[in-house]
C-alpha cells in the first residue's frame, strides 16, 4: 500500500486555500496514524517546496496490521474522493496499482 500526494489545488492563494488545507490535513492525519499508531509507515518524501508527500506501507506485515493499514489508507482515499467530487476542478486523483517514485 502506498499513497502519493503532490501539487497545489489552485483554489485560492497559498496559505488561503481551504482545498489544499483539507487534503494536507487528511494526508498528514493518515500518515501519523500509520506511523505512530501502527508503527509501519515510512514517510518516503516530504518536499514542502514541491508540495509532495509519499508514504509506503511494507507488504511483509502480519495480516492484522495490514488490515488496519488498509482501513486507514482506504478512509483517506474515500475522503479525498468526496473532496474531489465537491471540488472537481481542483483535485485530480489517480488510482495506480504500483508505486513509482517520480
PDB file of N, CA and C in Angstrom:
ATOM      1  N   UNK A   1       0.841  -1.182   0.000  1.00  0.00           N
ATOM      2  CA  UNK A   1       0.000   0.000   0.000  1.00  0.00           C
ATOM      3  C   UNK A   1       0.880   1.236   0.000  1.00  0.00           C
ATOM      4  N   UNK A   2       0.426   2.211  -0.666  1.00  0.00           N
ATOM      5  CA  UNK A   2       1.151   3.472  -0.693  1.00  0.00           C
ATOM      6  C   UNK A   2       0.197   4.582  -1.110  1.00  0.00           C
ATOM      7  N   UNK A   3       0.615   5.794  -0.842  1.00  0.00           N
ATOM      8  CA  UNK A   3      -0.074   6.934  -1.430  1.00  0.00           C
ATOM      9  C   UNK A   3       0.943   8.030  -1.661  1.00  0.00           C
ATOM     10  N   UNK A   4       0.631   8.844  -2.649  1.00  0.00           N
ATOM     11  CA  UNK A   4       1.469   9.986  -3.009  1.00  0.00           C
ATOM     12  C   UNK A   4       0.549  11.150  -3.317  1.00  0.00           C
ATOM     13  N   UNK A   5       0.809  12.262  -2.694  1.00  0.00           N
ATOM     14  CA  UNK A   5       0.010  13.465  -2.916  1.00  0.00           C
ATOM     15  C   UNK A   5       0.979  14.563  -3.320  1.00  0.00           C
ATOM     16  N   UNK A   6       0.628  15.282  -4.369  1.00  0.00           N
ATOM     17  CA  UNK A   6       1.538  16.335  -4.829  1.00  0.00           C
ATOM     18  C   UNK A   6       0.760  17.513  -5.392  1.00  0.00           C
ATOM     19  N   UNK A   7       1.444  18.627  -5.441  1.00  0.00           N
ATOM     20  CA  UNK A   7       0.901  19.812  -6.085  1.00  0.00           C
ATOM     21  C   UNK A   7       0.139  20.730  -5.157  1.00  0.00           C
ATOM     22  N   UNK A   8      -0.519  21.662  -5.763  1.00  0.00           N
ATOM     23  CA  UNK A   8      -1.332  22.657  -5.063  1.00  0.00           C
ATOM     24  C   UNK A   8      -2.653  22.749  -5.807  1.00  0.00           C
ATOM     25  N   UNK A   9      -3.734  22.849  -5.088  1.00  0.00           N
ATOM     26  CA  UNK A   9      -5.048  22.789  -5.737  1.00  0.00           C
ATOM     27  C   UNK A   9      -5.337  23.988  -6.639  1.00  0.00           C
ATOM     28  N   UNK A  10      -4.843  25.151  -6.267  1.00  0.00           N
ATOM     29  CA  UNK A  10      -5.133  26.343  -7.061  1.00  0.00           C
ATOM     30  C   UNK A  10      -6.494  26.948  -6.764  1.00  0.00           C
ATOM     31  N   UNK A  11      -7.142  26.494  -5.711  1.00  0.00           N
ATOM     32  CA  UNK A  11      -8.450  27.027  -5.337  1.00  0.00           C
ATOM     33  C   UNK A  11      -8.334  28.476  -4.868  1.00  0.00           C
ATOM     34  N   UNK A  12      -7.265  28.754  -4.143  1.00  0.00           N
ATOM     35  CA  UNK A  12      -7.015  30.109  -3.641  1.00  0.00           C
ATOM     36  C   UNK A  12      -5.503  30.285  -3.494  1.00  0.00           C
ATOM     37  N   UNK A  13      -5.091  31.466  -3.069  1.00  0.00           N
ATOM     38  CA  UNK A  13      -3.669  31.723  -2.874  1.00  0.00           C
ATOM     39  C   UNK A  13      -3.105  30.788  -1.806  1.00  0.00           C
ATOM     40  N   UNK A  14      -1.825  30.504  -1.936  1.00  0.00           N
ATOM     41  CA  UNK A  14      -1.132  29.685  -0.957  1.00  0.00           C
ATOM     42  C   UNK A  14      -1.324  30.293   0.436  1.00  0.00           C
ATOM     43  N   UNK A  15      -1.678  29.474   1.390  1.00  0.00           N
ATOM     44  CA  UNK A  15      -1.948  29.949   2.742  1.00  0.00           C
ATOM     45  C   UNK A  15      -3.409  30.304   2.967  1.00  0.00           C
ATOM     46  N   UNK A  16      -4.178  30.428   1.900  1.00  0.00           N
ATOM     47  CA  UNK A  16      -5.601  30.754   1.983  1.00  0.00           C
ATOM     48  C   UNK A  16      -6.475  29.653   1.387  1.00  0.00           C
ATOM     49  N   UNK A  17      -5.852  28.588   0.924  1.00  0.00           N
ATOM     50  CA  UNK A  17      -6.519  27.558   0.127  1.00  0.00           C
ATOM     51  C   UNK A  17      -7.137  26.473   1.012  1.00  0.00           C
ATOM     52  N   UNK A  18      -8.457  26.499   1.148  1.00  0.00           N
ATOM     53  CA  UNK A  18      -9.137  25.517   2.007  1.00  0.00           C
ATOM     54  C   UNK A  18      -9.094  24.106   1.423  1.00  0.00           C
ATOM     55  N   UNK A  19      -9.051  23.993   0.114  1.00  0.00           N
ATOM     56  CA  UNK A  19      -8.984  22.671  -0.520  1.00  0.00           C
ATOM     57  C   UNK A  19      -7.618  22.039  -0.231  1.00  0.00           C
ATOM     58  N   UNK A  20      -6.572  22.792  -0.420  1.00  0.00           N
ATOM     59  CA  UNK A  20      -5.226  22.302  -0.146  1.00  0.00           C
ATOM     60  C   UNK A  20      -5.079  21.958   1.339  1.00  0.00           C
ATOM     61  N   UNK A  21      -5.621  22.781   2.197  1.00  0.00           N
ATOM     62  CA  UNK A  21      -5.543  22.530   3.640  1.00  0.00           C
ATOM     63  C   UNK A  21      -6.281  21.249   4.017  1.00  0.00           C
ATOM     64  N   UNK A  22      -7.440  21.016   3.416  1.00  0.00           N
ATOM     65  CA  UNK A  22      -8.208  19.798   3.714  1.00  0.00           C
ATOM     66  C   UNK A  22      -7.450  18.549   3.275  1.00  0.00           C
ATOM     67  N   UNK A  23      -6.870  18.600   2.090  1.00  0.00           N
ATOM     68  CA  UNK A  23      -6.103  17.458   1.580  1.00  0.00           C
ATOM     69  C   UNK A  23      -4.868  17.225   2.445  1.00  0.00           C
ATOM     70  N   UNK A  24      -4.117  18.276   2.709  1.00  0.00           N
ATOM     71  CA  UNK A  24      -2.894  18.157   3.500  1.00  0.00           C
ATOM     72  C   UNK A  24      -3.177  17.607   4.893  1.00  0.00           C
ATOM     73  N   UNK A  25      -4.213  18.108   5.517  1.00  0.00           N
ATOM     74  CA  UNK A  25      -4.573  17.657   6.853  1.00  0.00           C
ATOM     75  C   UNK A  25      -4.948  16.178   6.867  1.00  0.00           C
ATOM     76  N   UNK A  26      -5.735  15.753   5.908  1.00  0.00           N
ATOM     77  CA  UNK A  26      -6.151  14.347   5.839  1.00  0.00           C
ATOM     78  C   UNK A  26      -4.960  13.426   5.580  1.00  0.00           C
ATOM     79  N   UNK A  27      -4.061  13.847   4.701  1.00  0.00           N
ATOM     80  CA  UNK A  27      -2.879  13.045   4.383  1.00  0.00           C
ATOM     81  C   UNK A  27      -1.971  12.936   5.600  1.00  0.00           C
ATOM     82  N   UNK A  28      -1.730  14.044   6.267  1.00  0.00           N
ATOM     83  CA  UNK A  28      -0.876  14.009   7.449  1.00  0.00           C
ATOM     84  C   UNK A  28      -1.513  13.187   8.568  1.00  0.00           C
ATOM     85  N   UNK A  29      -2.817  13.292   8.750  1.00  0.00           N
ATOM     86  CA  UNK A  29      -3.502  12.504   9.769  1.00  0.00           C
ATOM     87  C   UNK A  29      -3.335  11.009   9.481  1.00  0.00           C
ATOM     88  N   UNK A  30      -3.481  10.627   8.242  1.00  0.00           N
ATOM     89  CA  UNK A  30      -3.306   9.223   7.858  1.00  0.00           C
ATOM     90  C   UNK A  30      -1.866   8.775   8.094  1.00  0.00           C
ATOM     91  N   UNK A  31      -0.926   9.588   7.686  1.00  0.00           N
ATOM     92  CA  UNK A  31       0.485   9.268   7.895  1.00  0.00           C
ATOM     93  C   UNK A  31       0.832   9.114   9.368  1.00  0.00           C
ATOM     94  N   UNK A  32       0.313  10.014  10.188  1.00  0.00           N
ATOM     95  CA  UNK A  32       0.560   9.940  11.629  1.00  0.00           C
ATOM     96  C   UNK A  32      -0.078   8.678  12.216  1.00  0.00           C
ATOM     97  N   UNK A  33      -1.273   8.341  11.774  1.00  0.00           N
ATOM     98  CA  UNK A  33      -1.924   7.116  12.254  1.00  0.00           C
ATOM     99  C   UNK A  33      -1.129   5.876  11.892  1.00  0.00           C
ATOM    100  N   UNK A  34      -0.669   5.814  10.656  1.00  0.00           N
ATOM    101  CA  UNK A  34       0.124   4.667  10.215  1.00  0.00           C
ATOM    102  C   UNK A  34       1.446   4.585  10.970  1.00  0.00           C
ATOM    103  N   UNK A  35       2.059   5.731  11.134  1.00  0.00           N
ATOM    104  CA  UNK A  35       3.386   5.762  11.743  1.00  0.00           C
ATOM    105  C   UNK A  35       3.339   5.583  13.262  1.00  0.00           C
ATOM    106  N   UNK A  36       2.480   6.349  13.932  1.00  0.00           N
ATOM    107  CA  UNK A  36       2.508   6.349  15.395  1.00  0.00           C
ATOM    108  C   UNK A  36       1.588   5.313  16.034  1.00  0.00           C
ATOM    109  N   UNK A  37       0.473   5.017  15.403  1.00  0.00           N
ATOM    110  CA  UNK A  37      -0.427   4.006  15.969  1.00  0.00           C
ATOM    111  C   UNK A  37      -0.024   2.600  15.570  1.00  0.00           C
ATOM    112  N   UNK A  38       0.336   2.431  14.298  1.00  0.00           N
ATOM    113  CA  UNK A  38       0.683   1.098  13.815  1.00  0.00           C
ATOM    114  C   UNK A  38       2.190   0.882  13.695  1.00  0.00           C
ATOM    115  N   UNK A  39       2.952   1.957  13.711  1.00  0.00           N
ATOM    116  CA  UNK A  39       4.400   1.853  13.639  1.00  0.00           C
ATOM    117  C   UNK A  39       4.928   1.297  12.330  1.00  0.00           C
ATOM    118  N   UNK A  40       4.226   1.553  11.224  1.00  0.00           N
ATOM    119  CA  UNK A  40       4.575   0.878   9.980  1.00  0.00           C
ATOM    120  C   UNK A  40       4.852   1.776   8.787  1.00  0.00           C
ATOM    121  N   UNK A  41       4.542   3.028   8.870  1.00  0.00           N
ATOM    122  CA  UNK A  41       4.650   3.868   7.681  1.00  0.00           C
ATOM    123  C   UNK A  41       6.018   4.515   7.604  1.00  0.00           C
ATOM    124  N   UNK A  42       6.626   4.423   6.450  1.00  0.00           N
ATOM    125  CA  UNK A  42       7.850   5.157   6.181  1.00  0.00           C
ATOM    126  C   UNK A  42       7.480   6.341   5.304  1.00  0.00           C
ATOM    127  N   UNK A  43       7.644   7.529   5.850  1.00  0.00           N
ATOM    128  CA  UNK A  43       7.420   8.696   5.003  1.00  0.00           C
ATOM    129  C   UNK A  43       8.607   8.746   4.050  1.00  0.00           C
ATOM    130  N   UNK A  44       8.336   8.462   2.805  1.00  0.00           N
ATOM    131  CA  UNK A  44       9.391   8.380   1.800  1.00  0.00           C
ATOM    132  C   UNK A  44       9.921   9.765   1.481  1.00  0.00           C
ATOM    133  N   UNK A  45       9.012  10.704   1.388  1.00  0.00           N
ATOM    134  CA  UNK A  45       9.410  12.010   0.880  1.00  0.00           C
ATOM    135  C   UNK A  45       8.433  13.064   1.366  1.00  0.00           C
ATOM    136  N   UNK A  46       8.949  14.126   1.908  1.00  0.00           N
ATOM    137  CA  UNK A  46       8.146  15.309   2.213  1.00  0.00           C
ATOM    138  C   UNK A  46       8.935  16.488   1.673  1.00  0.00           C
ATOM    139  N   UNK A  47       8.438  17.062   0.602  1.00  0.00           N
ATOM    140  CA  UNK A  47       9.101  18.206  -0.025  1.00  0.00           C
ATOM    141  C   UNK A  47       8.151  19.386  -0.013  1.00  0.00           C
ATOM    142  N   UNK A  48       8.366  20.282   0.922  1.00  0.00           N
ATOM    143  CA  UNK A  48       7.462  21.422   1.049  1.00  0.00           C
ATOM    144  C   UNK A  48       7.492  22.330  -0.172  1.00  0.00           C
ATOM    145  N   UNK A  49       8.662  22.500  -0.779  1.00  0.00           N
ATOM    146  CA  UNK A  49       8.761  23.365  -1.956  1.00  0.00           C
ATOM    147  C   UNK A  49       7.947  22.811  -3.122  1.00  0.00           C
ATOM    148  N   UNK A  50       7.940  21.488  -3.271  1.00  0.00           N
ATOM    149  CA  UNK A  50       7.233  20.853  -4.375  1.00  0.00           C
ATOM    150  C   UNK A  50       5.847  20.346  -3.965  1.00  0.00           C
ATOM    151  N   UNK A  51       5.500  20.488  -2.677  1.00  0.00           N
ATOM    152  CA  UNK A  51       4.213  20.005  -2.166  1.00  0.00           C
ATOM    153  C   UNK A  51       4.011  18.518  -2.444  1.00  0.00           C
ATOM    154  N   UNK A  52       4.957  17.695  -2.022  1.00  0.00           N
ATOM    155  CA  UNK A  52       4.882  16.253  -2.235  1.00  0.00           C
ATOM    156  C   UNK A  52       4.969  15.534  -0.899  1.00  0.00           C
ATOM    157  N   UNK A  53       4.062  14.586  -0.695  1.00  0.00           N
ATOM    158  CA  UNK A  53       4.120  13.687   0.457  1.00  0.00           C
ATOM    159  C   UNK A  53       3.885  12.283  -0.065  1.00  0.00           C
ATOM    160  N   UNK A  54       4.787  11.377   0.269  1.00  0.00           N
ATOM    161  CA  UNK A  54       4.649   9.974  -0.103  1.00  0.00           C
ATOM    162  C   UNK A  54       4.715   9.117   1.151  1.00  0.00           C
ATOM    163  N   UNK A  55       3.969   8.055   1.155  1.00  0.00           N
ATOM    164  CA  UNK A  55       4.008   7.114   2.263  1.00  0.00           C
ATOM    165  C   UNK A  55       3.825   5.714   1.704  1.00  0.00           C
ATOM    166  N   UNK A  56       4.676   4.795   2.138  1.00  0.00           N
ATOM    167  CA  UNK A  56       4.527   3.409   1.703  1.00  0.00           C
ATOM    168  C   UNK A  56       4.435   2.505   2.921  1.00  0.00           C
ATOM    169  N   UNK A  57       3.626   1.478   2.804  1.00  0.00           N
ATOM    170  CA  UNK A  57       3.418   0.507   3.867  1.00  0.00           C
ATOM    171  C   UNK A  57       3.992  -0.820   3.390  1.00  0.00           C
ATOM    172  N   UNK A  58       4.919  -1.392   4.134  1.00  0.00           N
ATOM    173  CA  UNK A  58       5.522  -2.664   3.719  1.00  0.00           C
ATOM    174  C   UNK A  58       4.478  -3.770   3.553  1.00  0.00           C
ATOM    175  N   UNK A  59       4.668  -4.601   2.555  1.00  0.00           N
ATOM    176  CA  UNK A  59       3.737  -5.709   2.304  1.00  0.00           C
ATOM    177  C   UNK A  59       4.024  -6.914   3.191  1.00  0.00           C
ATOM    178  N   UNK A  60       5.131  -6.908   3.877  1.00  0.00           N
ATOM    179  CA  UNK A  60       5.549  -8.060   4.666  1.00  0.00           C
ATOM    180  C   UNK A  60       5.009  -8.039   6.099  1.00  0.00           C
ATOM    181  N   UNK A  61       3.984  -7.256   6.345  1.00  0.00           N
ATOM    182  CA  UNK A  61       3.423  -7.132   7.694  1.00  0.00           C
ATOM    183  C   UNK A  61       2.437  -8.255   7.984  1.00  0.00           C
ATOM    184  N   UNK A  62       2.224  -8.546   9.260  1.00  0.00           N
ATOM    185  CA  UNK A  62       1.184  -9.524   9.624  1.00  0.00           C
ATOM    186  C   UNK A  62      -0.185  -9.088   9.078  1.00  0.00           C
ATOM    187  N   UNK A  63      -1.028 -10.047   8.795  1.00  0.00           N
ATOM    188  CA  UNK A  63      -2.353  -9.790   8.196  1.00  0.00           C
ATOM    189  C   UNK A  63      -3.164  -8.766   8.997  1.00  0.00           C
ATOM    190  N   UNK A  64      -3.173  -8.883  10.308  1.00  0.00           N
ATOM    191  CA  UNK A  64      -3.955  -7.968  11.140  1.00  0.00           C
ATOM    192  C   UNK A  64      -3.472  -6.521  10.991  1.00  0.00           C
ATOM    193  N   UNK A  65      -2.176  -6.328  10.936  1.00  0.00           N
ATOM    194  CA  UNK A  65      -1.616  -4.986  10.775  1.00  0.00           C
ATOM    195  C   UNK A  65      -1.924  -4.461   9.373  1.00  0.00           C
ATOM    196  N   UNK A  66      -1.832  -5.318   8.373  1.00  0.00           N
ATOM    197  CA  UNK A  66      -2.177  -4.913   7.006  1.00  0.00           C
ATOM    198  C   UNK A  66      -3.634  -4.468   6.926  1.00  0.00           C
ATOM    199  N   UNK A  67      -4.514  -5.181   7.611  1.00  0.00           N
ATOM    200  CA  UNK A  67      -5.938  -4.811   7.597  1.00  0.00           C
ATOM    201  C   UNK A  67      -6.157  -3.444   8.222  1.00  0.00           C
ATOM    202  N   UNK A  68      -5.476  -3.172   9.323  1.00  0.00           N
ATOM    203  CA  UNK A  68      -5.610  -1.861   9.968  1.00  0.00           C
ATOM    204  C   UNK A  68      -5.065  -0.750   9.064  1.00  0.00           C
ATOM    205  N   UNK A  69      -3.940  -1.027   8.427  1.00  0.00           N
ATOM    206  CA  UNK A  69      -3.367  -0.050   7.499  1.00  0.00           C
ATOM    207  C   UNK A  69      -4.309   0.185   6.323  1.00  0.00           C
ATOM    208  N   UNK A  70      -4.935  -0.890   5.844  1.00  0.00           N
ATOM    209  CA  UNK A  70      -5.892  -0.776   4.743  1.00  0.00           C
ATOM    210  C   UNK A  70      -7.060   0.122   5.134  1.00  0.00           C
ATOM    211  N   UNK A  71      -7.548  -0.027   6.358  1.00  0.00           N
ATOM    212  CA  UNK A  71      -8.660   0.818   6.827  1.00  0.00           C
ATOM    213  C   UNK A  71      -8.241   2.287   6.807  1.00  0.00           C
ATOM    214  N   UNK A  72      -7.063   2.577   7.317  1.00  0.00           N
ATOM    215  CA  UNK A  72      -6.607   3.976   7.337  1.00  0.00           C
ATOM    216  C   UNK A  72      -6.419   4.536   5.931  1.00  0.00           C
ATOM    217  N   UNK A  73      -5.737   3.784   5.074  1.00  0.00           N
ATOM    218  CA  UNK A  73      -5.473   4.300   3.726  1.00  0.00           C
ATOM    219  C   UNK A  73      -6.742   4.361   2.885  1.00  0.00           C
ATOM    220  N   UNK A  74      -7.643   3.411   3.081  1.00  0.00           N
ATOM    221  CA  UNK A  74      -8.899   3.449   2.329  1.00  0.00           C
ATOM    222  C   UNK A  74      -9.795   4.591   2.806  1.00  0.00           C
ATOM    223  N   UNK A  75      -9.752   4.886   4.093  1.00  0.00           N
ATOM    224  CA  UNK A  75     -10.507   6.029   4.609  1.00  0.00           C
ATOM    225  C   UNK A  75      -9.993   7.315   3.989  1.00  0.00           C
ATOM    226  N   UNK A  76      -8.672   7.442   3.877  1.00  0.00           N
ATOM    227  CA  UNK A  76      -8.089   8.608   3.198  1.00  0.00           C
ATOM    228  C   UNK A  76      -8.587   8.686   1.766  1.00  0.00           C
ATOM    229  N   UNK A  77      -8.533   7.573   1.062  1.00  0.00           N
ATOM    230  CA  UNK A  77      -8.978   7.552  -0.340  1.00  0.00           C
ATOM    231  C   UNK A  77     -10.442   7.974  -0.457  1.00  0.00           C
ATOM    232  N   UNK A  78     -11.303   7.434   0.396  1.00  0.00           N
ATOM    233  CA  UNK A  78     -12.730   7.787   0.349  1.00  0.00           C
ATOM    234  C   UNK A  78     -12.947   9.266   0.641  1.00  0.00           C
ATOM    235  N   UNK A  79     -12.225   9.781   1.613  1.00  0.00           N
ATOM    236  CA  UNK A  79     -12.343  11.202   1.953  1.00  0.00           C
ATOM    237  C   UNK A  79     -11.894  12.083   0.788  1.00  0.00           C
ATOM    238  N   UNK A  80     -10.750  11.723   0.183  1.00  0.00           N
ATOM    239  CA  UNK A  80     -10.261  12.517  -0.948  1.00  0.00           C
ATOM    240  C   UNK A  80     -11.199  12.428  -2.146  1.00  0.00           C
ATOM    241  N   UNK A  81     -11.808  11.258  -2.361  1.00  0.00           N
ATOM    242  CA  UNK A  81     -12.801  11.129  -3.437  1.00  0.00           C
ATOM    243  C   UNK A  81     -13.998  12.037  -3.170  1.00  0.00           C
ATOM    244  N   UNK A  82     -14.405  12.124  -1.920  1.00  0.00           N
ATOM    245  CA  UNK A  82     -15.515  13.016  -1.559  1.00  0.00           C
ATOM    246  C   UNK A  82     -15.144  14.473  -1.808  1.00  0.00           C
ATOM    247  N   UNK A  83     -13.947  14.860  -1.378  1.00  0.00           N
ATOM    248  CA  UNK A  83     -13.480  16.226  -1.656  1.00  0.00           C
ATOM    249  C   UNK A  83     -13.410  16.489  -3.154  1.00  0.00           C
ATOM    250  N   UNK A  84     -12.891  15.518  -3.901  1.00  0.00           N
ATOM    251  CA  UNK A  84     -12.760  15.673  -5.354  1.00  0.00           C
ATOM    252  C   UNK A  84     -14.123  15.845  -6.015  1.00  0.00           C
ATOM    253  N   UNK A  85     -15.143  15.197  -5.481  1.00  0.00           N
ATOM    254  CA  UNK A  85     -16.480  15.353  -6.066  1.00  0.00           C
ATOM    255  C   UNK A  85     -17.039  16.752  -5.798  1.00  0.00           C
ATOM    256  N   UNK A  86     -16.622  17.360  -4.695  1.00  0.00           N
ATOM    257  CA  UNK A  86     -17.084  18.711  -4.360  1.00  0.00           C
ATOM    258  C   UNK A  86     -16.248  19.802  -5.030  1.00  0.00           C
ATOM    259  N   UNK A  87     -14.982  19.483  -5.263  1.00  0.00           N
ATOM    260  CA  UNK A  87     -14.053  20.459  -5.851  1.00  0.00           C
ATOM    261  C   UNK A  87     -13.372  19.827  -7.053  1.00  0.00           C
ATOM    262  N   UNK A  88     -14.162  19.344  -7.995  1.00  0.00           N
ATOM    263  CA  UNK A  88     -13.624  18.552  -9.108  1.00  0.00           C
ATOM    264  C   UNK A  88     -12.638  19.304  -9.990  1.00  0.00           C
ATOM    265  N   UNK A  89     -12.709  20.593 -10.030  1.00  0.00           N
ATOM    266  CA  UNK A  89     -11.758  21.360 -10.837  1.00  0.00           C
ATOM    267  C   UNK A  89     -10.410  21.542 -10.146  1.00  0.00           C
ATOM    268  N   UNK A  90     -10.345  21.171  -8.866  1.00  0.00           N
ATOM    269  CA  UNK A  90      -9.147  21.469  -8.087  1.00  0.00           C
ATOM    270  C   UNK A  90      -8.422  20.237  -7.545  1.00  0.00           C
ATOM    271  N   UNK A  91      -9.035  19.071  -7.636  1.00  0.00           N
ATOM    272  CA  UNK A  91      -8.407  17.845  -7.143  1.00  0.00           C
ATOM    273  C   UNK A  91      -8.445  16.802  -8.243  1.00  0.00           C
ATOM    274  N   UNK A  92      -7.286  16.265  -8.562  1.00  0.00           N
ATOM    275  CA  UNK A  92      -7.167  15.202  -9.559  1.00  0.00           C
ATOM    276  C   UNK A  92      -6.616  13.960  -8.856  1.00  0.00           C
ATOM    277  N   UNK A  93      -7.324  12.838  -8.995  1.00  0.00           N
ATOM    278  CA  UNK A  93      -6.886  11.603  -8.356  1.00  0.00           C
ATOM    279  C   UNK A  93      -6.622  10.526  -9.394  1.00  0.00           C
ATOM    280  N   UNK A  94      -5.610   9.734  -9.134  1.00  0.00           N
ATOM    281  CA  UNK A  94      -5.310   8.568  -9.959  1.00  0.00           C
ATOM    282  C   UNK A  94      -5.157   7.380  -9.026  1.00  0.00           C
ATOM    283  N   UNK A  95      -5.703   6.261  -9.421  1.00  0.00           N
ATOM    284  CA  UNK A  95      -5.574   5.031  -8.646  1.00  0.00           C
ATOM    285  C   UNK A  95      -4.604   4.133  -9.391  1.00  0.00           C
ATOM    286  N   UNK A  96      -3.391   4.055  -8.879  1.00  0.00           N
ATOM    287  CA  UNK A  96      -2.350   3.257  -9.530  1.00  0.00           C
ATOM    288  C   UNK A  96      -2.077   2.011  -8.699  1.00  0.00           C
ATOM    289  N   UNK A  97      -1.748   0.945  -9.381  1.00  0.00           N
ATOM    290  CA  UNK A  97      -1.509  -0.320  -8.698  1.00  0.00           C
ATOM    291  C   UNK A  97      -0.074  -0.489  -8.212  1.00  0.00           C
ATOM    292  N   UNK A  98       0.854   0.252  -8.775  1.00  0.00           N
ATOM    293  CA  UNK A  98       2.227   0.128  -8.322  1.00  0.00           C
ATOM    294  C   UNK A  98       2.831   1.503  -8.094  1.00  0.00           C
ATOM    295  N   UNK A  99       3.764   1.567  -7.178  1.00  0.00           N
ATOM    296  CA  UNK A  99       4.378   2.828  -6.782  1.00  0.00           C
ATOM    297  C   UNK A  99       5.652   3.068  -7.573  1.00  0.00           C
ATOM    298  N   UNK A 100       5.748   4.234  -8.120  1.00  0.00           N
ATOM    299  CA  UNK A 100       6.990   4.669  -8.769  1.00  0.00           C
ATOM    300  C   UNK A 100       7.302   6.050  -8.254  1.00  0.00           C
ATOM    301  N   UNK A 101       8.461   6.185  -7.644  1.00  0.00           N
ATOM    302  CA  UNK A 101       8.871   7.495  -7.169  1.00  0.00           C
ATOM    303  C   UNK A 101       9.144   8.378  -8.382  1.00  0.00           C
ATOM    304  N   UNK A 102       8.452   9.493  -8.466  1.00  0.00           N
ATOM    305  CA  UNK A 102       8.591  10.358  -9.645  1.00  0.00           C
ATOM    306  C   UNK A 102       9.524  11.507  -9.365  1.00  0.00           C
TER     307      UNK A 102
END
